[in-house]
Protein backbone atom coordinates (compact mmCIF):
# COMPACT_ATOMS: atom_id res chain seq x y z
CA MET A 1 -15.39 -7.99 69.74
CA LYS A 2 -14.98 -9.13 66.14
CA SER A 3 -15.11 -5.58 64.74
CA GLY A 4 -12.54 -4.45 67.32
CA LEU A 5 -10.13 -7.19 66.26
CA LEU A 6 -10.71 -6.35 62.61
CA LEU A 7 -9.99 -2.68 63.29
CA ALA A 8 -6.81 -3.60 65.18
CA ALA A 9 -5.68 -5.87 62.33
CA LYS A 10 -6.36 -3.18 59.72
CA THR A 11 -4.46 -0.64 61.81
CA LEU A 12 -1.47 -2.97 62.14
CA VAL A 13 -1.48 -3.66 58.38
CA ALA A 14 -1.60 0.10 57.70
CA ILE A 15 1.33 0.76 60.03
CA ALA A 16 3.32 -2.15 58.55
CA THR A 17 2.60 -0.93 55.01
CA GLY A 18 3.76 2.59 55.90
CA GLY A 19 6.89 1.16 57.49
CA LEU A 20 7.65 -0.99 54.45
CA PHE A 21 7.03 1.96 52.13
CA PHE A 22 9.28 4.42 53.99
CA ALA A 23 11.96 1.79 54.62
CA GLY A 24 11.96 0.89 50.93
CA ILE A 25 12.15 4.55 49.87
CA ALA A 26 15.01 5.18 52.29
CA ALA A 27 16.95 2.04 51.34
CA VAL A 28 16.60 2.57 47.59
CA PHE A 29 16.61 6.34 47.12
CA ILE A 30 18.05 7.90 50.31
CA PRO A 31 20.60 5.41 51.68
CA SER A 32 22.25 8.14 53.76
CA LEU A 33 19.24 7.91 56.13
CA ILE A 34 19.98 4.25 56.88
CA ARG A 35 22.30 3.46 59.77
CA PRO A 36 25.38 1.56 58.54
CA GLU A 37 24.81 -1.32 61.00
CA SER A 38 21.22 -1.85 59.76
CA PHE A 39 20.57 -4.79 57.44
CA LEU A 40 18.81 -2.30 55.10
CA ALA A 41 22.19 -0.71 54.41
CA HIS A 42 23.42 -4.02 52.98
CA SER A 43 20.30 -5.25 51.19
CA VAL A 44 19.11 -3.34 48.15
CA VAL A 45 16.96 -6.36 47.32
CA PHE A 46 15.05 -5.95 50.58
CA GLY A 47 14.62 -2.24 49.84
CA TRP A 48 13.15 -2.88 46.39
CA GLY A 49 11.08 -5.79 47.72
CA SER A 50 9.55 -3.82 50.56
CA LEU A 51 8.89 -0.87 48.25
CA THR A 52 7.19 -3.16 45.70
CA ILE A 53 5.00 -4.89 48.30
CA ALA A 54 4.02 -1.61 49.97
CA THR A 55 3.24 0.02 46.61
CA ALA A 56 0.99 -2.90 45.65
CA ILE A 57 -0.85 -2.64 48.97
CA LEU A 58 -1.19 1.14 48.60
CA ILE A 59 -2.65 0.76 45.11
CA LEU A 60 -5.12 -1.91 46.24
CA THR A 61 -6.27 0.08 49.29
CA MET A 62 -6.18 3.55 47.75
CA ASN A 63 -9.90 4.21 48.16
CA ARG A 64 -9.47 3.78 51.92
CA TRP A 65 -6.27 5.72 52.57
CA ALA A 66 -7.25 8.55 50.23
CA LYS A 67 -10.14 9.26 52.61
CA ILE A 68 -7.92 9.65 55.68
CA LEU A 69 -5.03 11.43 53.92
CA PRO A 70 -6.46 14.96 54.41
CA GLY A 71 -6.76 14.35 58.15
CA LEU A 72 -3.21 13.01 58.44
CA LEU A 73 -1.84 15.99 56.52
CA ALA A 74 -3.89 18.43 58.61
CA TYR A 75 -2.52 16.77 61.75
CA GLY A 76 0.99 17.32 60.40
CA ALA A 77 0.16 20.97 59.67
CA LEU A 78 -1.04 21.37 63.26
CA GLY A 79 2.29 19.99 64.46
CA GLY A 80 3.98 22.50 62.16
CA LEU A 81 2.05 25.35 63.77
CA LEU A 82 3.24 24.18 67.19
CA ALA A 83 6.82 24.03 65.88
CA ILE A 84 6.51 27.58 64.49
CA VAL A 85 5.43 28.88 67.89
CA SER A 86 7.98 26.91 69.92
CA GLY A 87 10.86 26.86 67.42
CA ARG A 88 11.35 23.16 68.14
CA LEU A 89 10.05 19.85 66.82
CA SER A 90 7.43 18.39 69.15
CA GLY A 91 8.83 14.85 68.91
CA SER A 92 12.39 16.06 69.42
CA PRO A 93 12.43 19.09 71.75
CA ASN A 94 16.23 19.37 71.70
CA THR A 95 16.29 19.77 67.91
CA ARG A 96 16.05 23.34 66.71
CA ILE A 97 14.65 24.04 63.27
CA SER A 98 14.49 27.30 61.35
CA ARG A 99 11.13 29.04 61.39
CA SER A 100 11.21 29.66 57.64
CA GLU A 101 11.65 25.94 56.99
CA VAL A 102 8.85 25.03 59.39
CA ILE A 103 6.54 27.65 57.85
CA PHE A 104 7.23 26.25 54.38
CA ILE A 105 6.58 22.65 55.43
CA THR A 106 3.44 23.67 57.35
CA LEU A 107 2.10 25.50 54.30
CA PHE A 108 2.85 22.45 52.16
CA LEU A 109 0.96 20.20 54.57
CA ALA A 110 -2.01 22.59 54.79
CA VAL A 111 -2.30 23.03 51.02
CA SER A 112 -1.83 19.28 50.46
CA SER A 113 -4.56 18.60 53.00
CA ALA A 114 -6.96 20.96 51.22
CA LEU A 115 -6.17 19.49 47.78
CA SER A 116 -6.49 15.90 48.97
CA PHE A 117 -9.75 16.79 50.75
CA ALA A 118 -11.17 17.88 47.39
CA LEU A 119 -10.10 14.51 45.91
CA GLN A 120 -11.63 12.66 48.84
CA LYS A 121 -15.11 13.84 47.91
CA ARG A 122 -15.27 12.08 44.54
CA ASN A 123 -14.83 8.66 43.03
CA LEU A 124 -11.18 8.31 42.14
CA ASN A 125 -10.43 8.09 38.43
CA THR A 126 -7.19 6.85 36.88
CA VAL A 127 -5.58 10.31 36.90
CA ASP A 128 -6.50 10.76 40.59
CA ARG A 129 -4.94 7.41 41.43
CA ILE A 130 -1.71 8.18 39.58
CA ALA A 131 -1.56 11.62 41.22
CA LEU A 132 -2.06 10.15 44.69
CA MET A 133 0.72 7.60 44.15
CA ILE A 134 3.04 10.32 42.86
CA PHE A 135 2.15 12.38 45.93
CA ALA A 136 2.84 9.44 48.28
CA PHE A 137 6.25 8.84 46.70
CA CYS A 138 7.09 12.56 46.78
CA LEU A 139 6.00 12.85 50.41
CA ALA A 140 8.29 9.95 51.32
CA LEU A 141 11.18 11.33 49.27
CA SER A 142 10.80 14.77 50.85
CA VAL A 143 12.51 13.49 54.00
CA SER A 144 15.79 13.72 52.10
CA PRO A 145 18.55 15.53 53.98
CA LYS A 146 19.21 17.57 50.82
CA GLN A 147 17.02 20.66 50.85
CA SER A 148 16.94 20.84 47.04
CA THR A 149 15.51 17.30 46.88
CA MET A 150 12.97 18.12 49.55
CA LEU A 151 11.79 21.24 47.71
CA MET A 152 11.64 19.48 44.34
CA THR A 153 9.64 16.51 45.64
CA ILE A 154 7.25 18.75 47.55
CA GLY A 155 6.65 20.77 44.37
CA ILE A 156 6.07 17.66 42.24
CA GLY A 157 3.71 16.18 44.83
CA LEU A 158 1.62 19.35 45.04
CA ALA A 159 1.59 19.71 41.25
CA SER A 160 0.32 16.14 40.86
CA LEU A 161 -2.61 16.76 43.22
CA LEU A 162 -3.41 20.06 41.53
CA PHE A 163 -3.25 18.46 38.09
CA ALA A 164 -5.68 15.73 39.18
CA LEU A 165 -8.14 18.32 40.48
CA VAL A 166 -7.95 20.44 37.34
CA TYR A 167 -8.22 17.37 35.12
CA GLY A 168 -11.22 16.14 37.10
CA SER A 169 -13.04 19.45 36.85
CA VAL A 170 -12.34 19.77 33.10
CA ALA A 171 -13.31 16.14 32.42
CA GLY A 172 -16.44 16.61 34.56
CA LYS A 173 -17.55 19.65 32.51
CA GLU A 174 -16.98 17.83 29.22
CA GLY A 175 -19.11 14.94 30.40
CA MET A 176 -22.12 17.19 30.98
């Protein structure tokens, strides 16, 4: 019973942290995503506050969420494969999306999953931690309605993960 309640509490904290993080990103960096009647549209302080709190929690719990990140990204890639086949988003069947865009996003999720899986297998160093935070911010910013912003943030996020892996393998060889 106690472990079930602890698991439920941890799950609720994870969901709340994700919500604070994405709400903060949207309020601060992509205000066009916020509905005008929402209090987020009128409170930049809340946006920065929620982003700061969520970032602190993400940094403190990085060893945990870095282990589940590959699975979450792979799940997203699976959803992308379904969208490629159907031509529609699974959560919004009335919304059509171009196959080329879905293929690109699915490839991004699959490659990100593979790169983060490689990071998952080792003890995170400082460069890994910075790369994972850059990736988290870029993933959140990639929901921008501007395609150029989406492409840029996806590229930066992937580059940060790749840099961490290359750095880790070079640093590992020098330590031998």
